[in-house]
PDB file of N, CA and C in Angstrom:
ATOM      1  N   MET A   1       7.103 -12.935  45.828  1.00  0.00           N
ATOM      2  CA  MET A   1       5.986 -11.461  46.255  1.00  0.00           C
ATOM      3  C   MET A   1       7.390 -10.620  46.126  1.00  0.00           C
ATOM      4  N   ILE A   2       7.166 -10.122  45.014  1.00  0.00           N
ATOM      5  CA  ILE A   2       7.749  -8.683  44.175  1.00  0.00           C
ATOM      6  C   ILE A   2       6.814  -7.619  45.066  1.00  0.00           C
ATOM      7  N   ILE A   3       8.498  -6.346  44.764  1.00  0.00           N
ATOM      8  CA  ILE A   3       7.694  -5.375  45.849  1.00  0.00           C
ATOM      9  C   ILE A   3       9.043  -4.052  45.554  1.00  0.00           C
ATOM     10  N   PRO A   4       8.869  -2.954  44.533  1.00  0.00           N
ATOM     11  CA  PRO A   4      10.449  -2.907  44.609  1.00  0.00           C
ATOM     12  C   PRO A   4      10.958  -2.012  45.149  1.00  0.00           C
ATOM     13  N   ILE A   5      12.338  -2.117  44.738  1.00  0.00           N
ATOM     14  CA  ILE A   5      13.226  -1.811  45.669  1.00  0.00           C
ATOM     15  C   ILE A   5      13.341  -1.631  46.313  1.00  0.00           C
ATOM     16  N   ASP A   6      12.990   0.290  45.558  1.00  0.00           N
ATOM     17  CA  ASP A   6      12.880   1.339  46.102  1.00  0.00           C
ATOM     18  C   ASP A   6      11.538   1.896  47.105  1.00  0.00           C
ATOM     19  N   GLY A   7      10.201   0.788  46.985  1.00  0.00           N
ATOM     20  CA  GLY A   7       9.027   0.816  47.499  1.00  0.00           C
ATOM     21  C   GLY A   7       8.435   1.611  46.809  1.00  0.00           C
ATOM     22  N   LYS A   8       9.156   2.436  45.115  1.00  0.00           N
ATOM     23  CA  LYS A   8       8.218   3.055  44.090  1.00  0.00           C
ATOM     24  C   LYS A   8       7.150   2.300  43.325  1.00  0.00           C
ATOM     25  N   PHE A   9       6.581   1.712  43.249  1.00  0.00           N
ATOM     26  CA  PHE A   9       4.979   1.474  42.304  1.00  0.00           C
ATOM     27  C   PHE A   9       4.867   2.972  40.731  1.00  0.00           C
ATOM     28  N   PRO A  10       5.073   1.892  39.513  1.00  0.00           N
ATOM     29  CA  PRO A  10       4.831   2.302  38.689  1.00  0.00           C
ATOM     30  C   PRO A  10       3.921   2.534  38.187  1.00  0.00           C
ATOM     31  N   THR A  11       2.775   3.777  37.975  1.00  0.00           N
ATOM     32  CA  THR A  11       1.475   4.669  38.030  1.00  0.00           C
ATOM     33  C   THR A  11       0.942   4.388  37.628  1.00  0.00           C
ATOM     34  N   VAL A  12       1.145   3.383  36.665  1.00  0.00           N
ATOM     35  CA  VAL A  12       0.066   2.110  35.580  1.00  0.00           C
ATOM     36  C   VAL A  12      -0.238   1.566  36.480  1.00  0.00           C
ATOM     37  N   VAL A  13       0.142   0.561  37.365  1.00  0.00           N
ATOM     38  CA  VAL A  13      -0.179  -0.198  38.626  1.00  0.00           C
ATOM     39  C   VAL A  13      -0.687   0.649  39.770  1.00  0.00           C
ATOM     40  N   ARG A  14      -0.555   1.818  40.474  1.00  0.00           N
ATOM     41  CA  ARG A  14      -1.164   2.546  41.272  1.00  0.00           C
ATOM     42  C   ARG A  14      -2.746   2.954  40.551  1.00  0.00           C
ATOM     43  N   ASP A  15      -2.660   3.294  39.314  1.00  0.00           N
ATOM     44  CA  ASP A  15      -3.981   3.187  38.490  1.00  0.00           C
ATOM     45  C   ASP A  15      -5.058   2.053  38.802  1.00  0.00           C
ATOM     46  N   LEU A  16      -4.151   0.810  38.573  1.00  0.00           N
ATOM     47  CA  LEU A  16      -4.965  -0.300  38.178  1.00  0.00           C
ATOM     48  C   LEU A  16      -4.835  -0.371  39.651  1.00  0.00           C
ATOM     49  N   SER A  17      -4.583  -0.979  40.610  1.00  0.00           N
ATOM     50  CA  SER A  17      -5.173  -1.400  42.242  1.00  0.00           C
ATOM     51  C   SER A  17      -5.828  -0.161  42.366  1.00  0.00           C
ATOM     52  N   ASP A  18      -5.875   1.174  42.522  1.00  0.00           N
ATOM     53  CA  ASP A  18      -7.245   1.955  42.265  1.00  0.00           C
ATOM     54  C   ASP A  18      -8.455   1.498  42.200  1.00  0.00           C
ATOM     55  N   TRP A  19      -8.433   0.723  40.170  1.00  0.00           N
ATOM     56  CA  TRP A  19      -9.024   0.891  39.617  1.00  0.00           C
ATOM     57  C   TRP A  19     -10.463  -0.541  40.457  1.00  0.00           C
ATOM     58  N   LEU A  20      -8.954  -1.743  40.743  1.00  0.00           N
ATOM     59  CA  LEU A  20      -9.694  -2.902  41.229  1.00  0.00           C
ATOM     60  C   LEU A  20     -10.410  -2.804  42.483  1.00  0.00           C
ATOM     61  N   ILE A  21      -9.487  -2.148  43.574  1.00  0.00           N
ATOM     62  CA  ILE A  21     -10.183  -1.425  44.296  1.00  0.00           C
ATOM     63  C   ILE A  21     -11.461  -0.887  44.093  1.00  0.00           C
ATOM     64  N   SER A  22     -11.736   0.008  44.238  1.00  0.00           N
ATOM     65  CA  SER A  22     -13.244   0.765  43.401  1.00  0.00           C
ATOM     66  C   SER A  22     -13.926  -0.171  43.087  1.00  0.00           C
ATOM     67  N   ARG A  23     -14.017  -1.211  41.788  1.00  0.00           N
ATOM     68  CA  ARG A  23     -14.755  -1.530  40.926  1.00  0.00           C
ATOM     69  C   ARG A  23     -15.319  -2.673  41.678  1.00  0.00           C
ATOM     70  N   TYR A  24     -14.554  -3.374  43.279  1.00  0.00           N
ATOM     71  CA  TYR A  24     -14.826  -4.469  43.549  1.00  0.00           C
ATOM     72  C   TYR A  24     -15.034  -4.181  44.888  1.00  0.00           C
ATOM     73  N   GLY A  25     -14.378  -2.783  45.328  1.00  0.00           N
ATOM     74  CA  GLY A  25     -15.538  -2.467  47.162  1.00  0.00           C
ATOM     75  C   GLY A  25     -14.860  -2.709  47.852  1.00  0.00           C
ATOM     76  N   VAL A  26     -13.412  -3.178  47.423  1.00  0.00           N
ATOM     77  CA  VAL A  26     -12.743  -3.374  48.298  1.00  0.00           C
ATOM     78  C   VAL A  26     -12.451  -2.262  49.769  1.00  0.00           C
ATOM     79  N   GLN A  27     -12.833  -2.923  51.193  1.00  0.00           N
ATOM     80  CA  GLN A  27     -12.826  -2.263  51.771  1.00  0.00           C
ATOM     81  C   GLN A  27     -11.148  -1.641  52.727  1.00  0.00           C
ATOM     82  N   PRO A  28     -10.963  -0.819  53.567  1.00  0.00           N
ATOM     83  CA  PRO A  28      -9.629  -0.831  54.361  1.00  0.00           C
ATOM     84  C   PRO A  28      -9.796  -2.232  55.040  1.00  0.00           C
ATOM     85  N   GLY A  29      -8.618  -2.528  56.048  1.00  0.00           N
ATOM     86  CA  GLY A  29      -8.553  -3.681  56.726  1.00  0.00           C
ATOM     87  C   GLY A  29      -7.778  -4.830  56.594  1.00  0.00           C
ATOM     88  N   TYR A  30      -7.627  -5.460  56.839  1.00  0.00           N
ATOM     89  CA  TYR A  30      -6.679  -6.625  56.855  1.00  0.00           C
ATOM     90  C   TYR A  30      -7.876  -8.439  56.545  1.00  0.00           C
ATOM     91  N   GLY A  31      -7.294  -9.740  55.743  1.00  0.00           N
ATOM     92  CA  GLY A  31      -8.124 -10.459  54.972  1.00  0.00           C
ATOM     93  C   GLY A  31      -7.895 -10.831  53.930  1.00  0.00           C
ATOM     94  N   LEU A  32      -7.638  -9.148  52.735  1.00  0.00           N
ATOM     95  CA  LEU A  32      -7.644  -9.867  51.632  1.00  0.00           C
ATOM     96  C   LEU A  32      -6.143 -10.715  51.234  1.00  0.00           C
ATOM     97  N   ALA A  33      -5.535  -9.967  51.907  1.00  0.00           N
ATOM     98  CA  ALA A  33      -3.742 -10.849  51.522  1.00  0.00           C
ATOM     99  C   ALA A  33      -3.791 -11.750  51.387  1.00  0.00           C
ATOM    100  N   GLN A  34      -4.019 -12.855  52.466  1.00  0.00           N
ATOM    101  CA  GLN A  34      -3.867 -14.482  51.897  1.00  0.00           C
ATOM    102  C   GLN A  34      -4.661 -14.661  50.958  1.00  0.00           C
ATOM    103  N   TYR A  35      -6.175 -14.203  50.375  1.00  0.00           N
ATOM    104  CA  TYR A  35      -6.649 -14.710  49.372  1.00  0.00           C
ATOM    105  C   TYR A  35      -5.384 -14.706  47.386  1.00  0.00           C
ATOM    106  N   LEU A  36      -4.917 -13.512  48.510  1.00  0.00           N
ATOM    107  CA  LEU A  36      -3.862 -12.959  47.006  1.00  0.00           C
ATOM    108  C   LEU A  36      -2.309 -13.660  46.509  1.00  0.00           C
ATOM    109  N   ASP A  37      -2.333 -14.964  47.879  1.00  0.00           N
ATOM    110  CA  ASP A  37      -0.756 -14.799  47.885  1.00  0.00           C
ATOM    111  C   ASP A  37      -0.046 -13.643  48.415  1.00  0.00           C
ATOM    112  N   ILE A  38      -0.359 -12.537  48.982  1.00  0.00           N
ATOM    113  CA  ILE A  38       0.747 -11.553  49.962  1.00  0.00           C
ATOM    114  C   ILE A  38       0.669 -11.908  51.648  1.00  0.00           C
ATOM    115  N   SER A  39       1.704 -11.130  51.633  1.00  0.00           N
ATOM    116  CA  SER A  39       1.810 -11.941  53.115  1.00  0.00           C
ATOM    117  C   SER A  39       0.917 -11.481  54.231  1.00  0.00           C
ATOM    118  N   ARG A  40       0.299 -11.486  55.266  1.00  0.00           N
ATOM    119  CA  ARG A  40      -1.131 -11.219  56.170  1.00  0.00           C
ATOM    120  C   ARG A  40      -0.627  -9.555  56.225  1.00  0.00           C
ATOM    121  N   ARG A  41       0.551  -9.655  56.350  1.00  0.00           N
ATOM    122  CA  ARG A  41       0.997  -8.065  57.303  1.00  0.00           C
ATOM    123  C   ARG A  41       0.092  -6.463  56.150  1.00  0.00           C
ATOM    124  N   TYR A  42       0.143  -6.870  55.179  1.00  0.00           N
ATOM    125  CA  TYR A  42      -0.402  -6.296  54.750  1.00  0.00           C
ATOM    126  C   TYR A  42      -1.946  -5.861  54.382  1.00  0.00           C
ATOM    127  N   ASP A  43      -2.702  -4.524  55.115  1.00  0.00           N
ATOM    128  CA  ASP A  43      -3.723  -4.330  54.288  1.00  0.00           C
ATOM    129  C   ASP A  43      -4.560  -4.507  53.355  1.00  0.00           C
ATOM    130  N   ASN A  44      -5.666  -4.394  53.065  1.00  0.00           N
ATOM    131  CA  ASN A  44      -6.292  -4.890  51.851  1.00  0.00           C
ATOM    132  C   ASN A  44      -5.761  -4.286  50.545  1.00  0.00           C
ATOM    133  N   HIS A  45      -5.703  -2.552  50.652  1.00  0.00           N
ATOM    134  CA  HIS A  45      -5.574  -1.583  49.960  1.00  0.00           C
ATOM    135  C   HIS A  45      -4.067  -2.177  49.391  1.00  0.00           C
ATOM    136  N   ALA A  46      -3.011  -2.344  50.625  1.00  0.00           N
ATOM    137  CA  ALA A  46      -1.475  -2.088  50.046  1.00  0.00           C
ATOM    138  C   ALA A  46      -1.292  -3.809  49.017  1.00  0.00           C
ATOM    139  N   ALA A  47      -2.243  -4.768  49.472  1.00  0.00           N
ATOM    140  CA  ALA A  47      -2.253  -6.574  49.202  1.00  0.00           C
ATOM    141  C   ALA A  47      -2.773  -6.327  47.834  1.00  0.00           C
ATOM    142  N   VAL A  48      -3.467  -5.572  47.228  1.00  0.00           N
ATOM    143  CA  VAL A  48      -4.186  -5.102  45.864  1.00  0.00           C
ATOM    144  C   VAL A  48      -3.080  -4.163  45.422  1.00  0.00           C
ATOM    145  N   LEU A  49      -2.586  -3.291  45.867  1.00  0.00           N
ATOM    146  CA  LEU A  49      -1.394  -3.416  45.332  1.00  0.00           C
ATOM    147  C   LEU A  49       0.079  -4.022  44.760  1.00  0.00           C
ATOM    148  N   ILE A  50       0.315  -4.890  45.534  1.00  0.00           N
ATOM    149  CA  ILE A  50       1.428  -5.619  45.353  1.00  0.00           C
ATOM    150  C   ILE A  50       0.487  -6.785  44.364  1.00  0.00           C
ATOM    151  N   TRP A  51      -0.289  -7.216  44.820  1.00  0.00           N
ATOM    152  CA  TRP A  51      -0.162  -8.229  43.560  1.00  0.00           C
ATOM    153  C   TRP A  51      -0.809  -7.453  41.832  1.00  0.00           C
ATOM    154  N   VAL A  52      -0.949  -6.104  42.445  1.00  0.00           N
ATOM    155  CA  VAL A  52      -0.907  -5.580  40.570  1.00  0.00           C
ATOM    156  C   VAL A  52       0.454  -5.994  40.031  1.00  0.00           C
ATOM    157  N   TYR A  53       0.850  -5.138  40.738  1.00  0.00           N
ATOM    158  CA  TYR A  53       2.211  -5.020  40.513  1.00  0.00           C
ATOM    159  C   TYR A  53       3.145  -6.842  40.027  1.00  0.00           C
ATOM    160  N   ASN A  54       2.715  -7.693  40.691  1.00  0.00           N
ATOM    161  CA  ASN A  54       3.203  -9.055  40.488  1.00  0.00           C
ATOM    162  C   ASN A  54       2.828  -9.469  38.864  1.00  0.00           C
ATOM    163  N   GLN A  55       1.696  -9.604  39.389  1.00  0.00           N
ATOM    164  CA  GLN A  55       1.157  -9.152  37.457  1.00  0.00           C
ATOM    165  C   GLN A  55       1.767  -8.622  36.792  1.00  0.00           C
ATOM    166  N   TYR A  56       1.423  -7.170  36.948  1.00  0.00           N
ATOM    167  CA  TYR A  56       2.756  -6.265  35.636  1.00  0.00           C
ATOM    168  C   TYR A  56       3.751  -6.995  35.830  1.00  0.00           C
ATOM    169  N   VAL A  57       4.841  -7.404  36.710  1.00  0.00           N
ATOM    170  CA  VAL A  57       5.884  -8.061  35.683  1.00  0.00           C
ATOM    171  C   VAL A  57       6.156  -8.858  35.024  1.00  0.00           C
ATOM    172  N   SER A  58       4.822  -9.887  35.628  1.00  0.00           N
ATOM    173  CA  SER A  58       5.649 -11.192  35.205  1.00  0.00           C
ATOM    174  C   SER A  58       4.477 -11.632  34.279  1.00  0.00           C
ATOM    175  N   TRP A  59       3.345 -10.628  33.735  1.00  0.00           N
ATOM    176  CA  TRP A  59       2.545 -11.541  32.692  1.00  0.00           C
ATOM    177  C   TRP A  59       3.398 -10.493  31.549  1.00  0.00           C
ATOM    178  N   GLY A  60       2.980 -11.212  30.789  1.00  0.00           N
ATOM    179  CA  GLY A  60       3.540 -11.094  28.923  1.00  0.00           C
ATOM    180  C   GLY A  60       2.425  -9.245  28.474  1.00  0.00           C
ATOM    181  N   ASP A  61       3.054  -8.741  27.791  1.00  0.00           N
ATOM    182  CA  ASP A  61       2.411  -7.209  27.333  1.00  0.00           C
ATOM    183  C   ASP A  61       1.494  -8.207  26.416  1.00  0.00           C
ATOM    184  N   ASP A  62       0.922  -9.224  25.808  1.00  0.00           N
ATOM    185  CA  ASP A  62      -0.340  -9.357  25.358  1.00  0.00           C
ATOM    186  C   ASP A  62      -1.442  -9.504  26.242  1.00  0.00           C
ATOM    187  N   GLN A  63      -1.046 -10.359  27.762  1.00  0.00           N
ATOM    188  CA  GLN A  63      -1.764 -10.039  29.012  1.00  0.00           C
ATOM    189  C   GLN A  63      -2.035  -8.850  30.236  1.00  0.00           C
ATOM    190  N   ARG A  64      -1.255  -7.996  29.190  1.00  0.00           N
ATOM    191  CA  ARG A  64      -1.434  -6.964  30.503  1.00  0.00           C
ATOM    192  C   ARG A  64      -2.607  -5.999  29.795  1.00  0.00           C
ATOM    193  N   THR A  65      -3.799  -6.434  30.357  1.00  0.00           N
ATOM    194  CA  THR A  65      -5.357  -5.969  29.665  1.00  0.00           C
ATOM    195  C   THR A  65      -6.066  -5.357  31.221  1.00  0.00           C
ATOM    196  N   THR A  66      -6.537  -5.331  31.066  1.00  0.00           N
ATOM    197  CA  THR A  66      -7.561  -4.807  32.373  1.00  0.00           C
ATOM    198  C   THR A  66      -8.336  -5.868  32.207  1.00  0.00           C
ATOM    199  N   GLY A  67      -8.766  -6.635  31.269  1.00  0.00           N
ATOM    200  CA  GLY A  67      -9.997  -7.899  31.051  1.00  0.00           C
ATOM    201  C   GLY A  67      -9.264  -8.846  32.386  1.00  0.00           C
ATOM    202  N   HIS A  68      -7.869  -9.105  31.445  1.00  0.00           N
ATOM    203  CA  HIS A  68      -6.597 -10.349  32.082  1.00  0.00           C
ATOM    204  C   HIS A  68      -6.859 -10.521  33.655  1.00  0.00           C
ATOM    205  N   LEU A  69      -6.374  -9.201  34.131  1.00  0.00           N
ATOM    206  CA  LEU A  69      -6.256  -7.888  34.917  1.00  0.00           C
ATOM    207  C   LEU A  69      -7.368  -8.098  35.983  1.00  0.00           C
ATOM    208  N   ARG A  70      -8.805  -7.507  35.474  1.00  0.00           N
ATOM    209  CA  ARG A  70      -9.888  -8.170  36.275  1.00  0.00           C
ATOM    210  C   ARG A  70     -10.036  -9.707  36.639  1.00  0.00           C
ATOM    211  N   GLN A  71     -10.404 -10.323  35.566  1.00  0.00           N
ATOM    212  CA  GLN A  71     -10.672 -12.268  35.671  1.00  0.00           C
ATOM    213  C   GLN A  71      -9.462 -12.861  36.845  1.00  0.00           C
ATOM    214  N   ALA A  72      -8.027 -12.145  36.958  1.00  0.00           N
ATOM    215  CA  ALA A  72      -7.046 -13.081  37.437  1.00  0.00           C
ATOM    216  C   ALA A  72      -7.620 -12.664  39.101  1.00  0.00           C
ATOM    217  N   PHE A  73      -7.979 -11.657  39.310  1.00  0.00           N
ATOM    218  CA  PHE A  73      -8.089 -10.849  40.513  1.00  0.00           C
ATOM    219  C   PHE A  73      -9.893 -11.770  41.067  1.00  0.00           C
ATOM    220  N   VAL A  74     -11.076 -12.116  40.421  1.00  0.00           N
ATOM    221  CA  VAL A  74     -11.330 -12.546  40.531  1.00  0.00           C
ATOM    222  C   VAL A  74     -11.910 -13.498  40.660  1.00  0.00           C
ATOM    223  N   GLN A  75     -10.328 -14.767  40.146  1.00  0.00           N
ATOM    224  CA  GLN A  75     -10.073 -16.058  40.365  1.00  0.00           C
ATOM    225  C   GLN A  75      -9.719 -16.333  42.083  1.00  0.00           C
ATOM    226  N   CYS A  76      -8.447 -14.980  42.972  1.00  0.00           N
ATOM    227  CA  CYS A  76      -8.512 -15.053  44.354  1.00  0.00           C
ATOM    228  C   CYS A  76      -9.307 -14.819  45.237  1.00  0.00           C
ATOM    229  N   LEU A  77     -10.245 -14.339  44.410  1.00  0.00           N
ATOM    230  CA  LEU A  77     -11.747 -13.866  45.799  1.00  0.00           C
ATOM    231  C   LEU A  77     -12.291 -15.293  46.530  1.00  0.00           C
ATOM    232  N   PRO A  78     -12.609 -15.027  47.634  1.00  0.00           N
ATOM    233  CA  PRO A  78     -13.694 -16.497  48.197  1.00  0.00           C
ATOM    234  C   PRO A  78     -14.903 -16.075  47.335  1.00  0.00           C
ATOM    235  N   VAL A  79     -15.169 -17.445  46.854  1.00  0.00           N
ATOM    236  CA  VAL A  79     -16.581 -17.647  46.067  1.00  0.00           C
ATOM    237  C   VAL A  79     -17.442 -16.762  47.016  1.00  0.00           C
ATOM    238  N   ASP A  80     -17.479 -16.891  48.288  1.00  0.00           N
ATOM    239  CA  ASP A  80     -18.857 -16.613  49.458  1.00  0.00           C
ATOM    240  C   ASP A  80     -18.461 -15.006  49.235  1.00  0.00           C
ATOM    241  N   GLY A  81     -17.462 -14.101  48.807  1.00  0.00           N
ATOM    242  CA  GLY A  81     -17.011 -13.284  48.362  1.00  0.00           C
ATOM    243  C   GLY A  81     -16.461 -12.368  49.652  1.00  0.00           C
ATOM    244  N   PHE A  82     -15.687 -11.212  49.232  1.00  0.00           N
ATOM    245  CA  PHE A  82     -14.879 -10.425  51.156  1.00  0.00           C
ATOM    246  C   PHE A  82     -15.170  -9.219  50.941  1.00  0.00           C
TER     247      PHE A  82
END
């Protein structure tokens, strides 16, 4: 798990995490982090933000599309929904 040293996430990362949160109706609270392989101490919205940042810094330019991001996010979610 990678977090920016200064704690400031790039605007594109914030925008993409907000988009995923809205698109999939991620509710405030806890429990999602474990499925995203993020420390359980983070709430659902923070976990999505950190997960998106990790994808953003580790994927190549050709993978940085909303389609790739969405597919990867959905694959992390439990089958019975969240």
